[in-house]
Amino acid sequence: MTTFQFIIPIEQMSKGQKKIADFILKSTERIPFYTEDDIAKKSGVSISTVSRFWEIIGFDNLKAFKKHLQDAQYSTPAIKMKQVLEQTEQHIVAQMIDSAQSNLAETFQRVNYQAFDQAIITLDQAQHIYVHGHGSATALTELIRFRLNRIGIHVHIMAESGHALLESLVHANENDVVLFFGFVRKSPEATVILEQAQVAHYRTILITDLLISEMINDSDIVIQVDRGERDAFHSLVAPMAIIDSISIALAGLRGNDAMNKLQQLHDIRKQYATLLPK
């Protein structure tokens, strides 16, 4: 069963509501078997606080929330694609562009400029930058490598999973940064990255579409984006916009060094234009 994504930011919740939200995230698969009394006891709040919580996150009651969780487990990639194709009000191109605009508008509201600026300074000062993403996020790791390589910043892309991931991570130290993409849930790879950060003391930058997650609490810097509703077709438009913003901001911070590297690229292209045409 997938992890539930709340519709309101954690900072808008009360202390008691945050306790319930945290418990739900850690126990999503067991929620269908719990009563409100169970949740209240395990969260350390009153039953009345639990009863009011469902309306805050968009449900009439616990039963409605359980039904949503049950339905969500059947939201496969095929179902998500079918849902997109069944929306016939617009041409598919118009529909996807409209959806992308919505994702970008929501991301505009979510992004913390202070956190973004802190991420830029941290990346600029890092001796080595390691990047991790799995699934569709591997496209994002390649994009950030391409963008930063152009301005003279080398990026180490870590393996998606397994022992190969550790082959890169073992070299990260207090002078380095690990930037990783965490979507939908806290993955085993994210767990390893964050736990190892406590040992090796490298800085972590998380780019996520989650509003509440252990990853957010455990990461040094968090940049939040929107990829669409949890059970809908997920777009990479918003995180790609963040990557473009990171590359441009770093180019501006590095000034002549970045511009000279871009000029060198232009010059070498001209030099070998006949041998390596565009």
C-alpha atoms as a PDB file:
ATOM      1  CA  MET A   1       0.000   0.000   0.000  1.00  0.00           C
ATOM      2  CA  THR A   2       1.321   3.435  -0.849  1.00  0.00           C
ATOM      3  CA  THR A   3       2.092   6.120   1.710  1.00  0.00           C
ATOM      4  CA  PHE A   4      -0.625   8.725   2.151  1.00  0.00           C
ATOM      5  CA  GLN A   5       0.198  12.273   1.079  1.00  0.00           C
ATOM      6  CA  PHE A   6      -1.608  14.969   3.090  1.00  0.00           C
ATOM      7  CA  ILE A   7      -3.288  17.862   1.336  1.00  0.00           C
ATOM      8  CA  ILE A   8      -2.102  20.551   3.756  1.00  0.00           C
ATOM      9  CA  PRO A   9       1.456  21.463   4.803  1.00  0.00           C
ATOM     10  CA  ILE A  10       2.608  20.114   8.152  1.00  0.00           C
ATOM     11  CA  GLU A  11       3.275  23.641   9.429  1.00  0.00           C
ATOM     12  CA  GLN A  12      -0.468  24.326   9.265  1.00  0.00           C
ATOM     13  CA  MET A  13      -1.250  21.432  11.607  1.00  0.00           C
ATOM     14  CA  SER A  14      -1.482  21.660  15.384  1.00  0.00           C
ATOM     15  CA  LYS A  15       0.867  19.696  17.620  1.00  0.00           C
ATOM     16  CA  GLY A  16      -1.725  16.963  18.114  1.00  0.00           C
ATOM     17  CA  GLN A  17      -2.519  16.780  14.412  1.00  0.00           C
ATOM     18  CA  LYS A  18       1.179  16.416  13.602  1.00  0.00           C
ATOM     19  CA  LYS A  19       1.361  13.436  15.968  1.00  0.00           C
ATOM     20  CA  ILE A  20      -1.536  11.764  14.167  1.00  0.00           C
ATOM     21  CA  ALA A  21      -0.049  12.554  10.750  1.00  0.00           C
ATOM     22  CA  ASP A  22       3.308  11.120  11.779  1.00  0.00           C
ATOM     23  CA  PHE A  23       1.662   7.947  13.079  1.00  0.00           C
ATOM     24  CA  ILE A  24      -0.341   7.499   9.866  1.00  0.00           C
ATOM     25  CA  LEU A  25       2.766   7.869   7.710  1.00  0.00           C
ATOM     26  CA  LYS A  26       4.596   5.262   9.758  1.00  0.00           C
ATOM     27  CA  SER A  27       1.636   2.867   9.950  1.00  0.00           C
ATOM     28  CA  THR A  28      -0.328   3.370   6.732  1.00  0.00           C
ATOM     29  CA  GLU A  29      -0.620  -0.346   5.989  1.00  0.00           C
ATOM     30  CA  ARG A  30      -2.082  -1.034   9.454  1.00  0.00           C
ATOM     31  CA  ILE A  31      -4.559   1.867   9.567  1.00  0.00           C
ATOM     32  CA  PRO A  32      -7.418  -0.222   8.029  1.00  0.00           C
ATOM     33  CA  PHE A  33      -7.301  -2.438  11.136  1.00  0.00           C
ATOM     34  CA  TYR A  34      -7.319   0.368  13.717  1.00  0.00           C
ATOM     35  CA  THR A  35     -10.171   2.172  15.448  1.00  0.00           C
ATOM     36  CA  GLU A  36     -10.077   5.845  16.405  1.00  0.00           C
ATOM     37  CA  ASP A  37      -9.338   4.744  19.945  1.00  0.00           C
ATOM     38  CA  ASP A  38      -6.339   2.728  18.727  1.00  0.00           C
ATOM     39  CA  ILE A  39      -5.005   5.697  16.751  1.00  0.00           C
ATOM     40  CA  ALA A  40      -5.524   8.068  19.683  1.00  0.00           C
ATOM     41  CA  LYS A  41      -3.618   5.821  22.087  1.00  0.00           C
ATOM     42  CA  LYS A  42      -0.771   5.143  19.663  1.00  0.00           C
ATOM     43  CA  SER A  43      -0.487   8.829  18.699  1.00  0.00           C
ATOM     44  CA  GLY A  44      -0.720  10.089  22.252  1.00  0.00           C
ATOM     45  CA  VAL A  45      -3.714  12.360  21.617  1.00  0.00           C
ATOM     46  CA  SER A  46      -7.406  12.424  22.567  1.00  0.00           C
ATOM     47  CA  ILE A  47     -10.108  10.599  20.596  1.00  0.00           C
ATOM     48  CA  SER A  48     -11.768  13.943  19.864  1.00  0.00           C
ATOM     49  CA  THR A  49      -8.556  15.183  18.235  1.00  0.00           C
ATOM     50  CA  VAL A  50      -8.495  12.075  16.050  1.00  0.00           C
ATOM     51  CA  SER A  51     -12.175  12.488  15.124  1.00  0.00           C
ATOM     52  CA  ARG A  52     -11.607  16.095  14.015  1.00  0.00           C
ATOM     53  CA  PHE A  53      -8.463  15.172  12.105  1.00  0.00           C
ATOM     54  CA  TRP A  54     -10.226  13.441   9.187  1.00  0.00           C
ATOM     55  CA  GLU A  55     -12.089  16.558   8.085  1.00  0.00           C
ATOM     56  CA  ILE A  56      -8.832  18.548   8.183  1.00  0.00           C
ATOM     57  CA  ILE A  57      -7.250  16.172   5.649  1.00  0.00           C
ATOM     58  CA  GLY A  58     -10.339  16.069   3.446  1.00  0.00           C
ATOM     59  CA  PHE A  59     -12.437  13.112   4.691  1.00  0.00           C
ATOM     60  CA  ASP A  60     -15.764  12.794   6.484  1.00  0.00           C
ATOM     61  CA  ASN A  61     -14.500  10.235   8.987  1.00  0.00           C
ATOM     62  CA  LEU A  62     -12.064   7.368   9.591  1.00  0.00           C
ATOM     63  CA  LYS A  63     -14.193   5.022   7.494  1.00  0.00           C
ATOM     64  CA  ALA A  64     -13.885   7.317   4.472  1.00  0.00           C
ATOM     65  CA  PHE A  65     -10.137   7.561   4.996  1.00  0.00           C
ATOM     66  CA  LYS A  66      -9.820   3.776   5.169  1.00  0.00           C
ATOM     67  CA  LYS A  67     -11.813   3.477   1.943  1.00  0.00           C
ATOM     68  CA  HIS A  68      -9.430   5.925   0.266  1.00  0.00           C
ATOM     69  CA  LEU A  69      -6.415   3.903   1.367  1.00  0.00           C
ATOM     70  CA  GLN A  70      -8.037   0.714   0.104  1.00  0.00           C
ATOM     71  CA  ASP A  71      -8.739   2.267  -3.296  1.00  0.00           C
ATOM     72  CA  ALA A  72      -5.239   3.752  -3.502  1.00  0.00           C
ATOM     73  CA  GLN A  73      -3.519   0.384  -3.350  1.00  0.00           C
ATOM     74  CA  TYR A  74      -5.062  -0.460  -6.717  1.00  0.00           C
ATOM     75  CA  SER A  75      -3.771   2.726  -8.355  1.00  0.00           C
ATOM     76  CA  THR A  76      -1.299   1.020 -10.678  1.00  0.00           C
ATOM     77  CA  PRO A  77       0.617   2.736 -13.507  1.00  0.00           C
ATOM     78  CA  ALA A  78      -1.847   1.206 -15.960  1.00  0.00           C
ATOM     79  CA  ILE A  79      -4.821   2.638 -14.061  1.00  0.00           C
ATOM     80  CA  LYS A  80      -3.181   6.067 -13.872  1.00  0.00           C
ATOM     81  CA  MET A  81      -2.594   6.023 -17.638  1.00  0.00           C
ATOM     82  CA  LYS A  82      -6.162   4.905 -18.270  1.00  0.00           C
ATOM     83  CA  GLN A  83      -7.480   7.755 -16.126  1.00  0.00           C
ATOM     84  CA  VAL A  84      -5.531  10.262 -18.214  1.00  0.00           C
ATOM     85  CA  LEU A  85      -6.786   8.797 -21.491  1.00  0.00           C
ATOM     86  CA  GLU A  86     -10.389   8.775 -20.270  1.00  0.00           C
ATOM     87  CA  GLN A  87     -10.374  12.516 -19.659  1.00  0.00           C
ATOM     88  CA  THR A  88     -11.688  13.498 -23.059  1.00  0.00           C
ATOM     89  CA  GLU A  89     -12.670  17.130 -22.369  1.00  0.00           C
ATOM     90  CA  GLN A  90      -9.425  18.374 -23.942  1.00  0.00           C
ATOM     91  CA  HIS A  91      -6.957  17.238 -26.553  1.00  0.00           C
ATOM     92  CA  ILE A  92      -4.281  15.162 -24.827  1.00  0.00           C
ATOM     93  CA  VAL A  93      -1.643  17.836 -25.512  1.00  0.00           C
ATOM     94  CA  ALA A  94      -3.800  20.574 -23.999  1.00  0.00           C
ATOM     95  CA  GLN A  95      -4.648  18.318 -21.093  1.00  0.00           C
ATOM     96  CA  MET A  96      -0.986  17.559 -20.266  1.00  0.00           C
ATOM     97  CA  ILE A  97       0.084  21.198 -20.649  1.00  0.00           C
ATOM     98  CA  ASP A  98      -2.769  22.292 -18.403  1.00  0.00           C
ATOM     99  CA  SER A  99      -1.733  19.691 -15.833  1.00  0.00           C
ATOM    100  CA  ALA A 100       1.901  20.818 -16.052  1.00  0.00           C
ATOM    101  CA  GLN A 101       0.862  24.434 -15.498  1.00  0.00           C
ATOM    102  CA  SER A 102      -1.044  23.349 -12.408  1.00  0.00           C
ATOM    103  CA  ASN A 103       2.004  21.470 -11.090  1.00  0.00           C
ATOM    104  CA  LEU A 104       4.204  24.513 -11.643  1.00  0.00           C
ATOM    105  CA  ALA A 105       1.704  26.858  -9.988  1.00  0.00           C
ATOM    106  CA  GLU A 106       1.522  24.628  -6.913  1.00  0.00           C
ATOM    107  CA  THR A 107       5.324  24.302  -6.841  1.00  0.00           C
ATOM    108  CA  PHE A 108       5.576  28.091  -6.948  1.00  0.00           C
ATOM    109  CA  GLN A 109       3.580  28.155  -3.715  1.00  0.00           C
ATOM    110  CA  ARG A 110       5.556  25.360  -2.069  1.00  0.00           C
ATOM    111  CA  VAL A 111       9.126  26.387  -2.778  1.00  0.00           C
ATOM    112  CA  ASN A 112      10.923  27.988   0.132  1.00  0.00           C
ATOM    113  CA  TYR A 113      13.301  30.555  -1.380  1.00  0.00           C
ATOM    114  CA  GLN A 114      15.499  30.564   1.686  1.00  0.00           C
ATOM    115  CA  ALA A 115      15.938  26.787   1.484  1.00  0.00           C
ATOM    116  CA  PHE A 116      16.652  27.058  -2.258  1.00  0.00           C
ATOM    117  CA  ASP A 117      19.322  29.747  -1.712  1.00  0.00           C
ATOM    118  CA  GLN A 118      20.857  27.636   1.045  1.00  0.00           C
ATOM    119  CA  ALA A 119      20.979  24.686  -1.353  1.00  0.00           C
ATOM    120  CA  ILE A 120      22.804  26.790  -3.956  1.00  0.00           C
ATOM    121  CA  ILE A 121      25.454  27.921  -1.468  1.00  0.00           C
ATOM    122  CA  THR A 122      25.877  24.355  -0.187  1.00  0.00           C
ATOM    123  CA  LEU A 123      26.297  22.956  -3.704  1.00  0.00           C
ATOM    124  CA  ASP A 124      28.745  25.702  -4.639  1.00  0.00           C
ATOM    125  CA  GLN A 125      30.926  25.018  -1.609  1.00  0.00           C
ATOM    126  CA  ALA A 126      30.845  21.225  -1.899  1.00  0.00           C
ATOM    127  CA  GLN A 127      34.004  19.398  -2.847  1.00  0.00           C
ATOM    128  CA  HIS A 128      31.967  16.620  -4.451  1.00  0.00           C
ATOM    129  CA  ILE A 129      28.297  16.436  -5.401  1.00  0.00           C
ATOM    130  CA  TYR A 130      26.556  13.058  -5.374  1.00  0.00           C
ATOM    131  CA  VAL A 131      23.078  12.696  -6.890  1.00  0.00           C
ATOM    132  CA  HIS A 132      20.585   9.882  -6.416  1.00  0.00           C
ATOM    133  CA  GLY A 133      17.229   9.041  -7.922  1.00  0.00           C
ATOM    134  CA  HIS A 134      15.465   5.841  -8.891  1.00  0.00           C
ATOM    135  CA  GLY A 135      12.699   4.998 -11.327  1.00  0.00           C
ATOM    136  CA  SER A 136      11.603   8.025 -13.329  1.00  0.00           C
ATOM    137  CA  ALA A 137      13.867  10.226 -11.182  1.00  0.00           C
ATOM    138  CA  THR A 138      16.922   8.809 -12.973  1.00  0.00           C
ATOM    139  CA  ALA A 139      15.998  11.196 -15.785  1.00  0.00           C
ATOM    140  CA  LEU A 140      16.347  14.026 -13.282  1.00  0.00           C
ATOM    141  CA  THR A 141      19.788  12.858 -12.155  1.00  0.00           C
ATOM    142  CA  GLU A 142      20.966  12.859 -15.765  1.00  0.00           C
ATOM    143  CA  LEU A 143      19.533  16.329 -16.327  1.00  0.00           C
ATOM    144  CA  ILE A 144      21.257  17.855 -13.318  1.00  0.00           C
ATOM    145  CA  ARG A 145      24.526  16.181 -14.307  1.00  0.00           C
ATOM    146  CA  PHE A 146      24.223  17.616 -17.822  1.00  0.00           C
ATOM    147  CA  ARG A 147      23.340  21.123 -16.630  1.00  0.00           C
ATOM    148  CA  LEU A 148      26.060  21.397 -14.002  1.00  0.00           C
ATOM    149  CA  ASN A 149      28.755  19.740 -16.109  1.00  0.00           C
ATOM    150  CA  ARG A 150      28.342  22.560 -18.644  1.00  0.00           C
ATOM    151  CA  ILE A 151      29.412  25.151 -16.082  1.00  0.00           C
ATOM    152  CA  GLY A 152      32.324  23.127 -14.773  1.00  0.00           C
ATOM    153  CA  ILE A 153      30.690  21.329 -11.849  1.00  0.00           C
ATOM    154  CA  HIS A 154      31.204  17.573 -11.857  1.00  0.00           C
ATOM    155  CA  VAL A 155      28.336  15.460 -10.543  1.00  0.00           C
ATOM    156  CA  HIS A 156      28.632  11.844  -9.403  1.00  0.00           C
ATOM    157  CA  ILE A 157      25.458   9.912 -10.233  1.00  0.00           C
ATOM    158  CA  MET A 158      24.986   7.080  -7.771  1.00  0.00           C
ATOM    159  CA  ALA A 159      23.555   3.693  -8.681  1.00  0.00           C
ATOM    160  CA  GLU A 160      19.817   3.322  -8.225  1.00  0.00           C
ATOM    161  CA  SER A 161      20.095   0.650  -5.545  1.00  0.00           C
ATOM    162  CA  GLY A 162      21.976  -2.338  -4.186  1.00  0.00           C
ATOM    163  CA  HIS A 163      25.624  -2.545  -3.214  1.00  0.00           C
ATOM    164  CA  ALA A 164      26.540  -0.383  -6.204  1.00  0.00           C
ATOM    165  CA  LEU A 165      24.925   2.560  -4.399  1.00  0.00           C
ATOM    166  CA  LEU A 166      27.274   2.033  -1.472  1.00  0.00           C
ATOM    167  CA  GLU A 167      30.283   2.054  -3.810  1.00  0.00           C
ATOM    168  CA  SER A 168      29.661   5.781  -4.336  1.00  0.00           C
ATOM    169  CA  LEU A 169      28.320   6.637  -0.910  1.00  0.00           C
ATOM    170  CA  VAL A 170      31.370   5.296   0.899  1.00  0.00           C
ATOM    171  CA  HIS A 171      33.460   8.133  -0.564  1.00  0.00           C
ATOM    172  CA  ALA A 172      31.177  10.977   0.594  1.00  0.00           C
ATOM    173  CA  ASN A 173      32.474  12.976   3.571  1.00  0.00           C
ATOM    174  CA  GLU A 174      31.917  16.218   5.470  1.00  0.00           C
ATOM    175  CA  ASN A 175      33.039  18.301   2.477  1.00  0.00           C
ATOM    176  CA  ASP A 176      30.455  16.767   0.148  1.00  0.00           C
ATOM    177  CA  VAL A 177      26.748  16.986  -0.654  1.00  0.00           C
ATOM    178  CA  VAL A 178      24.275  14.252  -1.522  1.00  0.00           C
ATOM    179  CA  LEU A 179      21.267  15.568  -3.442  1.00  0.00           C
ATOM    180  CA  PHE A 180      18.485  13.014  -3.772  1.00  0.00           C
ATOM    181  CA  PHE A 181      14.942  12.827  -5.099  1.00  0.00           C
ATOM    182  CA  GLY A 182      12.337  11.383  -2.744  1.00  0.00           C
ATOM    183  CA  PHE A 183       8.895  10.914  -4.235  1.00  0.00           C
ATOM    184  CA  VAL A 184       5.820   9.032  -2.934  1.00  0.00           C
ATOM    185  CA  ARG A 185       7.537   7.458   0.094  1.00  0.00           C
ATOM    186  CA  LYS A 186      10.788   7.069   1.993  1.00  0.00           C
ATOM    187  CA  SER A 187      12.668   4.469  -0.009  1.00  0.00           C
ATOM    188  CA  PRO A 188      15.276   2.061   1.405  1.00  0.00           C
ATOM    189  CA  GLU A 189      17.887   4.004  -0.571  1.00  0.00           C
ATOM    190  CA  ALA A 190      16.825   7.281   1.054  1.00  0.00           C
ATOM    191  CA  THR A 191      17.045   5.587   4.438  1.00  0.00           C
ATOM    192  CA  VAL A 192      20.639   4.538   3.729  1.00  0.00           C
ATOM    193  CA  ILE A 193      21.589   7.991   2.424  1.00  0.00           C
ATOM    194  CA  LEU A 194      20.197   9.734   5.498  1.00  0.00           C
ATOM    195  CA  GLU A 195      21.563   7.245   8.006  1.00  0.00           C
ATOM    196  CA  GLN A 196      25.037   7.367   6.467  1.00  0.00           C
ATOM    197  CA  ALA A 197      24.934  11.171   6.599  1.00  0.00           C
ATOM    198  CA  GLN A 198      24.949  10.897  10.383  1.00  0.00           C
ATOM    199  CA  VAL A 199      28.175   8.914  10.187  1.00  0.00           C
ATOM    200  CA  ALA A 200      30.031  10.606   7.318  1.00  0.00           C
ATOM    201  CA  HIS A 201      28.662  14.121   8.035  1.00  0.00           C
ATOM    202  CA  TYR A 202      27.965  15.039   4.415  1.00  0.00           C
ATOM    203  CA  ARG A 203      25.129  17.481   3.759  1.00  0.00           C
ATOM    204  CA  THR A 204      21.856  16.255   2.264  1.00  0.00           C
ATOM    205  CA  ILE A 205      19.500  18.075  -0.102  1.00  0.00           C
ATOM    206  CA  LEU A 206      16.090  16.497  -0.673  1.00  0.00           C
ATOM    207  CA  ILE A 207      13.819  17.354  -3.603  1.00  0.00           C
ATOM    208  CA  THR A 208      10.394  15.898  -2.851  1.00  0.00           C
ATOM    209  CA  ASP A 209       6.685  16.128  -3.611  1.00  0.00           C
ATOM    210  CA  LEU A 210       5.772  15.012  -0.099  1.00  0.00           C
ATOM    211  CA  LEU A 211       4.391  17.500   2.406  1.00  0.00           C
ATOM    212  CA  ILE A 212       5.037  15.309   5.431  1.00  0.00           C
ATOM    213  CA  SER A 213       7.729  12.653   5.630  1.00  0.00           C
ATOM    214  CA  GLU A 214      10.536  11.442   7.858  1.00  0.00           C
ATOM    215  CA  MET A 215      12.843  12.381   4.986  1.00  0.00           C
ATOM    216  CA  ILE A 216      11.886  16.042   5.385  1.00  0.00           C
ATOM    217  CA  ASN A 217      12.739  15.980   9.071  1.00  0.00           C
ATOM    218  CA  ASP A 218      16.033  14.146   8.535  1.00  0.00           C
ATOM    219  CA  SER A 219      17.383  16.105   5.525  1.00  0.00           C
ATOM    220  CA  ASP A 220      19.509  19.239   5.913  1.00  0.00           C
ATOM    221  CA  ILE A 221      17.792  21.143   3.101  1.00  0.00           C
ATOM    222  CA  VAL A 222      14.395  20.413   1.545  1.00  0.00           C
ATOM    223  CA  ILE A 223      12.967  21.725  -1.730  1.00  0.00           C
ATOM    224  CA  GLN A 224       9.300  20.811  -2.187  1.00  0.00           C
ATOM    225  CA  VAL A 225       7.627  20.477  -5.572  1.00  0.00           C
ATOM    226  CA  ASP A 226       4.307  19.256  -6.923  1.00  0.00           C
ATOM    227  CA  ARG A 227       3.943  16.349  -9.357  1.00  0.00           C
ATOM    228  CA  GLY A 228       0.155  16.050  -9.262  1.00  0.00           C
ATOM    229  CA  GLU A 229      -2.278  14.150  -7.075  1.00  0.00           C
ATOM    230  CA  ARG A 230      -0.908  11.062  -5.368  1.00  0.00           C
ATOM    231  CA  ASP A 231      -3.026   8.642  -7.414  1.00  0.00           C
ATOM    232  CA  ALA A 232      -2.709  10.545 -10.692  1.00  0.00           C
ATOM    233  CA  PHE A 233      -0.217  10.473 -13.556  1.00  0.00           C
ATOM    234  CA  HIS A 234       2.947  12.074 -12.167  1.00  0.00           C
ATOM    235  CA  SER A 235       4.793  14.717 -14.165  1.00  0.00           C
ATOM    236  CA  LEU A 236       8.488  15.632 -13.929  1.00  0.00           C
ATOM    237  CA  VAL A 237       7.908  19.189 -15.164  1.00  0.00           C
ATOM    238  CA  ALA A 238       8.174  20.846 -11.732  1.00  0.00           C
ATOM    239  CA  PRO A 239      11.344  19.072 -10.528  1.00  0.00           C
ATOM    240  CA  MET A 240      12.914  19.772 -13.941  1.00  0.00           C
ATOM    241  CA  ALA A 241      12.154  23.470 -13.440  1.00  0.00           C
ATOM    242  CA  ILE A 242      13.913  23.295 -10.070  1.00  0.00           C
ATOM    243  CA  ILE A 243      16.964  21.678 -11.686  1.00  0.00           C
ATOM    244  CA  ASP A 244      17.093  24.401 -14.337  1.00  0.00           C
ATOM    245  CA  SER A 245      16.819  26.990 -11.561  1.00  0.00           C
ATOM    246  CA  ILE A 246      19.673  25.340  -9.661  1.00  0.00           C
ATOM    247  CA  SER A 247      21.952  25.338 -12.710  1.00  0.00           C
ATOM    248  CA  ILE A 248      21.243  28.988 -13.543  1.00  0.00           C
ATOM    249  CA  ALA A 249      21.647  30.099  -9.929  1.00  0.00           C
ATOM    250  CA  LEU A 250      24.982  28.281  -9.653  1.00  0.00           C
ATOM    251  CA  ALA A 251      26.157  29.811 -12.939  1.00  0.00           C
ATOM    252  CA  GLY A 252      25.314  33.241 -11.595  1.00  0.00           C
ATOM    253  CA  LEU A 253      27.111  32.565  -8.319  1.00  0.00           C
ATOM    254  CA  ARG A 254      30.240  31.290 -10.055  1.00  0.00           C
ATOM    255  CA  GLY A 255      30.293  34.224 -12.463  1.00  0.00           C
ATOM    256  CA  ASN A 256      33.241  34.289 -14.856  1.00  0.00           C
ATOM    257  CA  ASP A 257      34.291  30.720 -14.063  1.00  0.00           C
ATOM    258  CA  ALA A 258      30.954  29.394 -15.312  1.00  0.00           C
ATOM    259  CA  MET A 259      30.821  31.753 -18.293  1.00  0.00           C
ATOM    260  CA  ASN A 260      34.367  30.844 -19.326  1.00  0.00           C
ATOM    261  CA  LYS A 261      33.485  27.152 -19.230  1.00  0.00           C
ATOM    262  CA  LEU A 262      30.475  27.782 -21.467  1.00  0.00           C
ATOM    263  CA  GLN A 263      32.650  29.802 -23.843  1.00  0.00           C
ATOM    264  CA  GLN A 264      35.186  26.967 -23.950  1.00  0.00           C
ATOM    265  CA  LEU A 265      32.393  24.585 -24.888  1.00  0.00           C
ATOM    266  CA  HIS A 266      31.332  26.917 -27.692  1.00  0.00           C
ATOM    267  CA  ASP A 267      34.929  27.237 -28.964  1.00  0.00           C
ATOM    268  CA  ILE A 268      35.615  23.512 -28.975  1.00  0.00           C
ATOM    269  CA  ARG A 269      32.359  22.898 -30.812  1.00  0.00           C
ATOM    270  CA  LYS A 270      33.470  25.267 -33.550  1.00  0.00           C
ATOM    271  CA  GLN A 271      36.909  23.636 -33.688  1.00  0.00           C
ATOM    272  CA  TYR A 272      35.488  20.170 -34.343  1.00  0.00           C
ATOM    273  CA  ALA A 273      32.333  21.174 -36.190  1.00  0.00           C
ATOM    274  CA  THR A 274      33.264  19.187 -39.310  1.00  0.00           C
ATOM    275  CA  LEU A 275      34.289  16.044 -37.417  1.00  0.00           C
ATOM    276  CA  LEU A 276      31.462  16.132 -34.895  1.00  0.00           C
ATOM    277  CA  PRO A 277      28.531  17.983 -36.495  1.00  0.00           C
ATOM    278  CA  LYS A 278      25.584  18.874 -34.314  1.00  0.00           C
END
